[in-house]
Amino acid sequence: MANVLLLNGPHHVLSGKLPTTEVASGTYMTQMTHTKSFLKDEKENACLPDSIVSCTRRVILRLPVVSSVLFFPYSANGKVKTTNPFNDNRLLEQNKKIQEANQAPKDFPNFIREGFQVKVVTSDKYVRRRSGLIYLDIEVGNGDCPKDGQQVTFHYIGYNESGRRIDSTYSQGSPAKIRLGNNALVPGFEEGIHDMKPGGKRRIIIPPELGPPVGPSTFFSSKQYEVFDVELLNVKDCQRRTIAFYSDVVCN
């Protein structure tokens, strides 16, 4: 059981901004906040529950005293910082060179990062959900999608924005097994695997807002995108078994 994906406990799996600019033909760019996405919208998928497909909403609390510095990161004269397309190209090329040195897999997404502002550059094969999750189906698989309460068995490889491998169940020698619907997985990972089919392979790009809690006890870094290559092996039904004073869950 790979514990990297658990919300609580040690993590040993992942880590790791580009303004609008011209890129190679066939690529698209998205920005984490306040940026139009040029990735194609995903069609409604019957495998996904409404709670996952629905747009995430942010709640702004009203505070009695708020400094304008918290909400307006611009200069006093009200001018908005403009982006430099030449700088974007430079950052994009830097990211590509780093990923090449790290032997990132084919069609790996690129990240244009400038501080906390990030743009994700992918080919047009990728799909973007309204939640912010981005994915690429490498193989679709067959059978039924997993449901809450069922156990999924899967392999994964985790990467950071530089394309460096952080963790892999393949190298550990055994796949991960976990039941869906009990908040044991990173939100973006569970959303990405929820509509896969057994035998399917998918690359999942998890934005920070769908990532795990960050802190000294976690592997994830704040404001970082994480990338997983996932292979769903099988899906099993689970039942609770009670013997005398002992109770557990058995998955067949």
C-alpha atoms as a PDB file:
ATOM      1  CA  MET A   1       0.000   0.000   0.000  1.00  0.00           C
ATOM      2  CA  ALA A   2       1.630   3.217  -1.080  1.00  0.00           C
ATOM      3  CA  ASN A   3       1.112   5.856   1.570  1.00  0.00           C
ATOM      4  CA  VAL A   4       2.160   8.768  -0.607  1.00  0.00           C
ATOM      5  CA  LEU A   5      -1.399   9.559  -1.650  1.00  0.00           C
ATOM      6  CA  LEU A   6      -2.883   9.598   1.833  1.00  0.00           C
ATOM      7  CA  LEU A   7      -3.963  12.968   3.163  1.00  0.00           C
ATOM      8  CA  ASN A   8      -2.594  12.112   6.583  1.00  0.00           C
ATOM      9  CA  GLY A   9       0.789  10.609   7.255  1.00  0.00           C
ATOM     10  CA  PRO A  10       4.164  10.837   5.517  1.00  0.00           C
ATOM     11  CA  HIS A  11       4.318  11.407   1.785  1.00  0.00           C
ATOM     12  CA  HIS A  12       7.032  10.182  -0.487  1.00  0.00           C
ATOM     13  CA  VAL A  13       5.550  10.816  -3.912  1.00  0.00           C
ATOM     14  CA  LEU A  14       5.641  14.304  -5.556  1.00  0.00           C
ATOM     15  CA  SER A  15       6.997  17.870  -5.671  1.00  0.00           C
ATOM     16  CA  GLY A  16       7.844  20.442  -8.285  1.00  0.00           C
ATOM     17  CA  LYS A  17       4.693  30.531 -14.594  1.00  0.00           C
ATOM     18  CA  LEU A  18       4.097  31.413 -17.869  1.00  0.00           C
ATOM     19  CA  PRO A  19       2.001  34.467 -19.083  1.00  0.00           C
ATOM     20  CA  THR A  20       0.235  34.453 -22.416  1.00  0.00           C
ATOM     21  CA  THR A  21       2.594  34.061 -25.372  1.00  0.00           C
ATOM     22  CA  GLU A  22       3.016  32.368 -28.675  1.00  0.00           C
ATOM     23  CA  VAL A  23       3.976  28.719 -28.498  1.00  0.00           C
ATOM     24  CA  ALA A  24       4.443  25.934 -30.978  1.00  0.00           C
ATOM     25  CA  SER A  25       1.517  24.928 -33.128  1.00  0.00           C
ATOM     26  CA  GLY A  26      -0.827  22.435 -31.481  1.00  0.00           C
ATOM     27  CA  THR A  27      -0.194  23.582 -27.903  1.00  0.00           C
ATOM     28  CA  TYR A  28      -2.486  25.352 -25.487  1.00  0.00           C
ATOM     29  CA  MET A  29      -1.881  27.423 -22.392  1.00  0.00           C
ATOM     30  CA  THR A  30      -3.833  27.887 -19.203  1.00  0.00           C
ATOM     31  CA  GLN A  31      -3.257  30.010 -16.113  1.00  0.00           C
ATOM     32  CA  MET A  32      -4.052  28.986 -12.582  1.00  0.00           C
ATOM     33  CA  THR A  33      -6.145  32.065 -11.790  1.00  0.00           C
ATOM     34  CA  HIS A  34      -7.946  34.775 -13.780  1.00  0.00           C
ATOM     35  CA  THR A  35      -6.779  33.329 -17.134  1.00  0.00           C
ATOM     36  CA  LYS A  36      -8.916  32.007 -19.966  1.00  0.00           C
ATOM     37  CA  SER A  37      -8.327  28.350 -20.705  1.00  0.00           C
ATOM     38  CA  PHE A  38      -7.746  27.328 -24.274  1.00  0.00           C
ATOM     39  CA  LEU A  39      -7.907  23.627 -23.452  1.00  0.00           C
ATOM     40  CA  LYS A  40     -11.037  21.959 -24.720  1.00  0.00           C
ATOM     41  CA  ASP A  41     -13.851  21.533 -22.180  1.00  0.00           C
ATOM     42  CA  GLU A  42     -14.722  18.052 -21.144  1.00  0.00           C
ATOM     43  CA  LYS A  43     -18.038  16.575 -22.123  1.00  0.00           C
ATOM     44  CA  GLU A  44     -20.339  15.426 -19.329  1.00  0.00           C
ATOM     45  CA  ASN A  45     -19.230  12.031 -18.075  1.00  0.00           C
ATOM     46  CA  ALA A  46     -21.791   9.689 -16.550  1.00  0.00           C
ATOM     47  CA  CYS A  47     -19.119   8.007 -14.460  1.00  0.00           C
ATOM     48  CA  LEU A  48     -18.481  11.107 -12.389  1.00  0.00           C
ATOM     49  CA  PRO A  49     -20.752  12.062  -9.482  1.00  0.00           C
ATOM     50  CA  ASP A  50     -22.168  15.581  -9.511  1.00  0.00           C
ATOM     51  CA  SER A  51     -20.081  16.523  -6.484  1.00  0.00           C
ATOM     52  CA  ILE A  52     -16.896  16.004  -8.496  1.00  0.00           C
ATOM     53  CA  VAL A  53     -17.928  17.539 -11.820  1.00  0.00           C
ATOM     54  CA  SER A  54     -19.411  20.692 -10.290  1.00  0.00           C
ATOM     55  CA  CYS A  55     -17.294  23.817 -10.248  1.00  0.00           C
ATOM     56  CA  THR A  56     -15.407  24.508  -7.089  1.00  0.00           C
ATOM     57  CA  ARG A  57     -16.456  27.705  -5.372  1.00  0.00           C
ATOM     58  CA  ARG A  58     -14.420  29.951  -3.193  1.00  0.00           C
ATOM     59  CA  VAL A  59     -15.907  31.607  -0.104  1.00  0.00           C
ATOM     60  CA  ILE A  60     -14.692  35.069   0.848  1.00  0.00           C
ATOM     61  CA  LEU A  61     -15.119  35.875   4.513  1.00  0.00           C
ATOM     62  CA  ARG A  62     -15.939  39.437   5.455  1.00  0.00           C
ATOM     63  CA  LEU A  63     -13.410  40.790   7.917  1.00  0.00           C
ATOM     64  CA  PRO A  64     -13.977  43.915  10.044  1.00  0.00           C
ATOM     65  CA  VAL A  65     -10.563  45.388   9.230  1.00  0.00           C
ATOM     66  CA  VAL A  66      -8.726  44.406   6.073  1.00  0.00           C
ATOM     67  CA  SER A  67      -5.565  45.880   4.667  1.00  0.00           C
ATOM     68  CA  SER A  68      -5.710  46.676   0.965  1.00  0.00           C
ATOM     69  CA  VAL A  69      -2.360  44.929   0.603  1.00  0.00           C
ATOM     70  CA  LEU A  70      -4.120  41.562   0.983  1.00  0.00           C
ATOM     71  CA  PHE A  71      -6.220  42.038  -2.123  1.00  0.00           C
ATOM     72  CA  PHE A  72      -4.377  44.454  -4.429  1.00  0.00           C
ATOM     73  CA  PRO A  73      -0.836  43.300  -5.252  1.00  0.00           C
ATOM     74  CA  TYR A  74      -0.390  46.217  -7.618  1.00  0.00           C
ATOM     75  CA  SER A  75       1.455  49.483  -7.358  1.00  0.00           C
ATOM     76  CA  ALA A  76      -0.095  52.539  -5.721  1.00  0.00           C
ATOM     77  CA  ASN A  77      -0.870  54.179  -9.052  1.00  0.00           C
ATOM     78  CA  GLY A  78      -3.253  51.344  -9.936  1.00  0.00           C
ATOM     79  CA  LYS A  79      -1.334  50.024 -12.930  1.00  0.00           C
ATOM     80  CA  VAL A  80      -1.553  46.295 -13.552  1.00  0.00           C
ATOM     81  CA  LYS A  81       1.682  44.439 -14.144  1.00  0.00           C
ATOM     82  CA  THR A  82       1.979  43.567 -17.810  1.00  0.00           C
ATOM     83  CA  THR A  83       3.368  40.296 -19.079  1.00  0.00           C
ATOM     84  CA  ASN A  84       6.358  39.984 -21.330  1.00  0.00           C
ATOM     85  CA  PRO A  85       5.954  37.392 -24.105  1.00  0.00           C
ATOM     86  CA  PHE A  86       9.712  37.214 -24.557  1.00  0.00           C
ATOM     87  CA  ASN A  87      10.103  36.372 -20.881  1.00  0.00           C
ATOM     88  CA  ASP A  88       7.400  33.706 -21.223  1.00  0.00           C
ATOM     89  CA  ASN A  89       9.246  32.089 -24.098  1.00  0.00           C
ATOM     90  CA  ARG A  90      12.453  32.136 -22.091  1.00  0.00           C
ATOM     91  CA  LEU A  91      10.786  30.480 -19.075  1.00  0.00           C
ATOM     92  CA  LEU A  92       9.117  27.910 -21.318  1.00  0.00           C
ATOM     93  CA  GLU A  93      12.412  26.952 -22.931  1.00  0.00           C
ATOM     94  CA  GLN A  94      14.037  26.695 -19.502  1.00  0.00           C
ATOM     95  CA  ASN A  95      11.315  24.325 -18.322  1.00  0.00           C
ATOM     96  CA  LYS A  96      11.659  22.215 -21.463  1.00  0.00           C
ATOM     97  CA  LYS A  97      15.427  21.895 -20.990  1.00  0.00           C
ATOM     98  CA  ILE A  98      15.029  20.915 -17.338  1.00  0.00           C
ATOM     99  CA  GLN A  99      12.386  18.313 -18.209  1.00  0.00           C
ATOM    100  CA  GLU A 100      14.603  16.926 -20.956  1.00  0.00           C
ATOM    101  CA  ALA A 101      17.470  16.589 -18.460  1.00  0.00           C
ATOM    102  CA  ASN A 102      15.097  14.802 -16.059  1.00  0.00           C
ATOM    103  CA  GLN A 103      13.968  12.465 -18.867  1.00  0.00           C
ATOM    104  CA  ALA A 104      10.325  13.437 -18.585  1.00  0.00           C
ATOM    105  CA  PRO A 105       7.980  11.146 -20.580  1.00  0.00           C
ATOM    106  CA  LYS A 106       6.621  11.991 -24.017  1.00  0.00           C
ATOM    107  CA  ASP A 107       3.955  14.711 -24.266  1.00  0.00           C
ATOM    108  CA  PHE A 108       4.651  15.821 -20.694  1.00  0.00           C
ATOM    109  CA  PRO A 109       3.045  19.197 -19.818  1.00  0.00           C
ATOM    110  CA  ASN A 110       5.210  22.297 -19.558  1.00  0.00           C
ATOM    111  CA  PHE A 111       4.934  24.854 -16.794  1.00  0.00           C
ATOM    112  CA  ILE A 112       5.674  28.557 -17.157  1.00  0.00           C
ATOM    113  CA  ARG A 113       6.185  29.728 -13.594  1.00  0.00           C
ATOM    114  CA  GLU A 114       6.829  33.234 -12.380  1.00  0.00           C
ATOM    115  CA  GLY A 115       6.444  33.371  -8.616  1.00  0.00           C
ATOM    116  CA  PHE A 116       3.042  31.900  -7.756  1.00  0.00           C
ATOM    117  CA  GLN A 117       1.643  32.556 -11.237  1.00  0.00           C
ATOM    118  CA  VAL A 118       1.695  29.414 -13.375  1.00  0.00           C
ATOM    119  CA  LYS A 119       0.612  28.612 -16.896  1.00  0.00           C
ATOM    120  CA  VAL A 120       0.251  25.013 -18.021  1.00  0.00           C
ATOM    121  CA  VAL A 121       1.215  24.310 -21.635  1.00  0.00           C
ATOM    122  CA  THR A 122      -0.038  21.044 -23.135  1.00  0.00           C
ATOM    123  CA  SER A 123      -0.920  19.530 -26.463  1.00  0.00           C
ATOM    124  CA  ASP A 124      -4.528  19.648 -27.638  1.00  0.00           C
ATOM    125  CA  LYS A 125      -4.974  16.010 -26.578  1.00  0.00           C
ATOM    126  CA  TYR A 126      -5.405  17.052 -22.961  1.00  0.00           C
ATOM    127  CA  VAL A 127      -8.825  17.707 -21.418  1.00  0.00           C
ATOM    128  CA  ARG A 128      -9.549  20.356 -18.795  1.00  0.00           C
ATOM    129  CA  ARG A 129     -12.371  20.046 -16.313  1.00  0.00           C
ATOM    130  CA  ARG A 130     -14.212  22.933 -14.752  1.00  0.00           C
ATOM    131  CA  SER A 131     -12.666  21.987 -11.412  1.00  0.00           C
ATOM    132  CA  GLY A 132      -9.203  22.827 -12.798  1.00  0.00           C
ATOM    133  CA  LEU A 133      -8.060  19.216 -13.214  1.00  0.00           C
ATOM    134  CA  ILE A 134      -6.301  18.432 -16.513  1.00  0.00           C
ATOM    135  CA  TYR A 135      -5.840  14.915 -17.845  1.00  0.00           C
ATOM    136  CA  LEU A 136      -4.796  12.858 -20.845  1.00  0.00           C
ATOM    137  CA  ASP A 137      -6.158   9.370 -21.527  1.00  0.00           C
ATOM    138  CA  ILE A 138      -3.303   7.219 -22.815  1.00  0.00           C
ATOM    139  CA  GLU A 139      -5.435   4.052 -22.823  1.00  0.00           C
ATOM    140  CA  VAL A 140      -9.156   4.028 -22.017  1.00  0.00           C
ATOM    141  CA  GLY A 141      -9.589   0.512 -20.590  1.00  0.00           C
ATOM    142  CA  ASN A 142     -12.752  -1.590 -20.334  1.00  0.00           C
ATOM    143  CA  GLY A 143     -15.487  -2.249 -17.816  1.00  0.00           C
ATOM    144  CA  ASP A 144     -17.262  -0.102 -15.246  1.00  0.00           C
ATOM    145  CA  CYS A 145     -15.856   2.962 -13.547  1.00  0.00           C
ATOM    146  CA  PRO A 146     -15.166   2.601  -9.798  1.00  0.00           C
ATOM    147  CA  LYS A 147     -17.765   3.842  -7.324  1.00  0.00           C
ATOM    148  CA  ASP A 148     -17.502   5.142  -3.784  1.00  0.00           C
ATOM    149  CA  GLY A 149     -17.003   2.255  -1.369  1.00  0.00           C
ATOM    150  CA  GLN A 150     -15.213   0.087  -3.912  1.00  0.00           C
ATOM    151  CA  GLN A 151     -11.531  -0.750  -3.718  1.00  0.00           C
ATOM    152  CA  VAL A 152      -9.251   0.332  -6.567  1.00  0.00           C
ATOM    153  CA  THR A 153      -5.853  -1.197  -7.262  1.00  0.00           C
ATOM    154  CA  PHE A 154      -3.511   0.951  -9.323  1.00  0.00           C
ATOM    155  CA  HIS A 155       0.071   1.787 -10.200  1.00  0.00           C
ATOM    156  CA  TYR A 156       1.278   5.355 -10.424  1.00  0.00           C
ATOM    157  CA  ILE A 157       4.355   7.449 -11.116  1.00  0.00           C
ATOM    158  CA  GLY A 158       4.503  10.932  -9.598  1.00  0.00           C
ATOM    159  CA  TYR A 159       6.331  13.917 -11.115  1.00  0.00           C
ATOM    160  CA  ASN A 160       6.908  17.531 -10.188  1.00  0.00           C
ATOM    161  CA  GLU A 161       6.783  20.512 -12.563  1.00  0.00           C
ATOM    162  CA  SER A 162      10.350  19.897 -13.700  1.00  0.00           C
ATOM    163  CA  GLY A 163       9.448  16.394 -14.896  1.00  0.00           C
ATOM    164  CA  ARG A 164      11.477  14.711 -12.162  1.00  0.00           C
ATOM    165  CA  ARG A 165      10.149  11.441 -10.769  1.00  0.00           C
ATOM    166  CA  ILE A 166       9.245  11.741  -7.130  1.00  0.00           C
ATOM    167  CA  ASP A 167       7.747   8.340  -6.412  1.00  0.00           C
ATOM    168  CA  SER A 168       6.539   5.215  -8.162  1.00  0.00           C
ATOM    169  CA  THR A 169       4.670   2.096  -7.112  1.00  0.00           C
ATOM    170  CA  TYR A 170       6.455   0.273  -9.947  1.00  0.00           C
ATOM    171  CA  SER A 171       9.777   0.823  -8.210  1.00  0.00           C
ATOM    172  CA  GLN A 172       8.228  -0.218  -4.891  1.00  0.00           C
ATOM    173  CA  GLY A 173       7.267  -3.547  -6.418  1.00  0.00           C
ATOM    174  CA  SER A 174       3.548  -3.508  -5.548  1.00  0.00           C
ATOM    175  CA  PRO A 175       0.508  -1.460  -6.594  1.00  0.00           C
ATOM    176  CA  ALA A 176      -1.503   0.784  -4.302  1.00  0.00           C
ATOM    177  CA  LYS A 177      -4.902  -0.318  -2.977  1.00  0.00           C
ATOM    178  CA  ILE A 178      -7.483   1.982  -1.459  1.00  0.00           C
ATOM    179  CA  ARG A 179     -11.245   2.415  -1.120  1.00  0.00           C
ATOM    180  CA  LEU A 180     -12.827   5.398  -2.795  1.00  0.00           C
ATOM    181  CA  GLY A 181     -15.130   7.840  -1.053  1.00  0.00           C
ATOM    182  CA  ASN A 182     -13.511   7.947   2.380  1.00  0.00           C
ATOM    183  CA  ASN A 183     -11.281  11.014   1.820  1.00  0.00           C
ATOM    184  CA  ALA A 184      -8.124   8.911   1.900  1.00  0.00           C
ATOM    185  CA  LEU A 185      -6.827  10.151  -1.468  1.00  0.00           C
ATOM    186  CA  VAL A 186      -5.674  13.562  -2.615  1.00  0.00           C
ATOM    187  CA  PRO A 187      -8.860  15.261  -3.988  1.00  0.00           C
ATOM    188  CA  GLY A 188      -7.458  15.766  -7.483  1.00  0.00           C
ATOM    189  CA  PHE A 189      -6.167  12.199  -7.657  1.00  0.00           C
ATOM    190  CA  GLU A 190      -9.504  10.724  -6.594  1.00  0.00           C
ATOM    191  CA  GLU A 191     -11.345  12.905  -9.113  1.00  0.00           C
ATOM    192  CA  GLY A 192      -8.971  11.807 -11.856  1.00  0.00           C
ATOM    193  CA  ILE A 193      -9.280   8.093 -11.132  1.00  0.00           C
ATOM    194  CA  HIS A 194     -13.041   8.095 -10.482  1.00  0.00           C
ATOM    195  CA  ASP A 195     -14.031   7.808 -14.154  1.00  0.00           C
ATOM    196  CA  MET A 196     -11.216   5.556 -15.321  1.00  0.00           C
ATOM    197  CA  LYS A 197     -11.894   1.988 -16.405  1.00  0.00           C
ATOM    198  CA  PRO A 198      -9.882  -1.119 -15.449  1.00  0.00           C
ATOM    199  CA  GLY A 199      -6.875  -1.451 -17.734  1.00  0.00           C
ATOM    200  CA  GLY A 200      -6.905   2.275 -18.465  1.00  0.00           C
ATOM    201  CA  LYS A 201      -3.867   4.551 -18.288  1.00  0.00           C
ATOM    202  CA  ARG A 202      -4.170   8.282 -17.636  1.00  0.00           C
ATOM    203  CA  ARG A 203      -1.922  11.269 -16.979  1.00  0.00           C
ATOM    204  CA  ILE A 204      -3.427  13.545 -14.334  1.00  0.00           C
ATOM    205  CA  ILE A 205      -2.290  17.135 -13.764  1.00  0.00           C
ATOM    206  CA  ILE A 206      -3.388  18.234 -10.292  1.00  0.00           C
ATOM    207  CA  PRO A 207      -3.582  21.983  -9.583  1.00  0.00           C
ATOM    208  CA  PRO A 208      -2.690  23.239  -6.085  1.00  0.00           C
ATOM    209  CA  GLU A 209      -6.330  23.828  -5.146  1.00  0.00           C
ATOM    210  CA  LEU A 210      -7.046  20.100  -5.679  1.00  0.00           C
ATOM    211  CA  GLY A 211      -3.855  18.966  -3.983  1.00  0.00           C
ATOM    212  CA  PRO A 212      -3.277  17.799  -0.410  1.00  0.00           C
ATOM    213  CA  PRO A 213      -2.690  19.947   2.657  1.00  0.00           C
ATOM    214  CA  VAL A 214       0.833  21.360   2.647  1.00  0.00           C
ATOM    215  CA  GLY A 215       3.288  21.525   5.499  1.00  0.00           C
ATOM    216  CA  PRO A 216       6.496  20.056   6.879  1.00  0.00           C
ATOM    217  CA  SER A 217       4.963  16.568   7.169  1.00  0.00           C
ATOM    218  CA  THR A 218       3.817  16.404   3.547  1.00  0.00           C
ATOM    219  CA  PHE A 219       5.713  15.802   0.364  1.00  0.00           C
ATOM    220  CA  PHE A 220       3.754  18.424  -1.583  1.00  0.00           C
ATOM    221  CA  SER A 221       4.847  22.034  -1.865  1.00  0.00           C
ATOM    222  CA  SER A 222       2.497  25.017  -1.769  1.00  0.00           C
ATOM    223  CA  LYS A 223       1.308  26.367  -5.151  1.00  0.00           C
ATOM    224  CA  GLN A 224       2.865  23.469  -7.063  1.00  0.00           C
ATOM    225  CA  TYR A 225       1.238  21.445  -9.817  1.00  0.00           C
ATOM    226  CA  GLU A 226       1.710  17.695  -9.528  1.00  0.00           C
ATOM    227  CA  VAL A 227       1.542  15.138 -12.355  1.00  0.00           C
ATOM    228  CA  PHE A 228       0.626  11.466 -12.014  1.00  0.00           C
ATOM    229  CA  ASP A 229       0.747   8.710 -14.605  1.00  0.00           C
ATOM    230  CA  VAL A 230      -1.862   6.226 -13.365  1.00  0.00           C
ATOM    231  CA  GLU A 231      -2.672   2.677 -14.456  1.00  0.00           C
ATOM    232  CA  LEU A 232      -5.937   1.318 -13.024  1.00  0.00           C
ATOM    233  CA  LEU A 233      -5.538  -2.444 -12.568  1.00  0.00           C
ATOM    234  CA  ASN A 234      -8.867  -3.551 -11.106  1.00  0.00           C
ATOM    235  CA  VAL A 235     -11.954  -2.565  -9.112  1.00  0.00           C
ATOM    236  CA  LYS A 236     -13.463  -4.690  -6.324  1.00  0.00           C
ATOM    237  CA  ASP A 237     -16.671  -4.565  -4.286  1.00  0.00           C
ATOM    238  CA  CYS A 238     -16.268  -4.342  -0.522  1.00  0.00           C
ATOM    239  CA  GLN A 239     -18.407  -5.544   2.384  1.00  0.00           C
ATOM    240  CA  ARG A 240     -18.138  -5.088   6.117  1.00  0.00           C
ATOM    241  CA  ARG A 241     -17.621  -8.317   8.053  1.00  0.00           C
ATOM    242  CA  THR A 242     -18.315  -8.662  11.763  1.00  0.00           C
ATOM    243  CA  ILE A 243     -17.164 -11.613  13.849  1.00  0.00           C
ATOM    244  CA  ALA A 244     -17.974 -11.355  17.564  1.00  0.00           C
ATOM    245  CA  PHE A 245     -16.343  -8.097  18.653  1.00  0.00           C
ATOM    246  CA  TYR A 246     -14.156  -7.854  15.560  1.00  0.00           C
ATOM    247  CA  SER A 247     -15.188  -5.911  12.453  1.00  0.00           C
ATOM    248  CA  ASP A 248     -13.388  -5.215   9.199  1.00  0.00           C
ATOM    249  CA  VAL A 249     -13.985  -4.625   5.496  1.00  0.00           C
ATOM    250  CA  VAL A 250     -13.400  -7.369   2.949  1.00  0.00           C
ATOM    251  CA  CYS A 251     -13.076  -6.619  -0.772  1.00  0.00           C
ATOM    252  CA  ASN A 252     -13.741  -9.376  -3.316  1.00  0.00           C
END
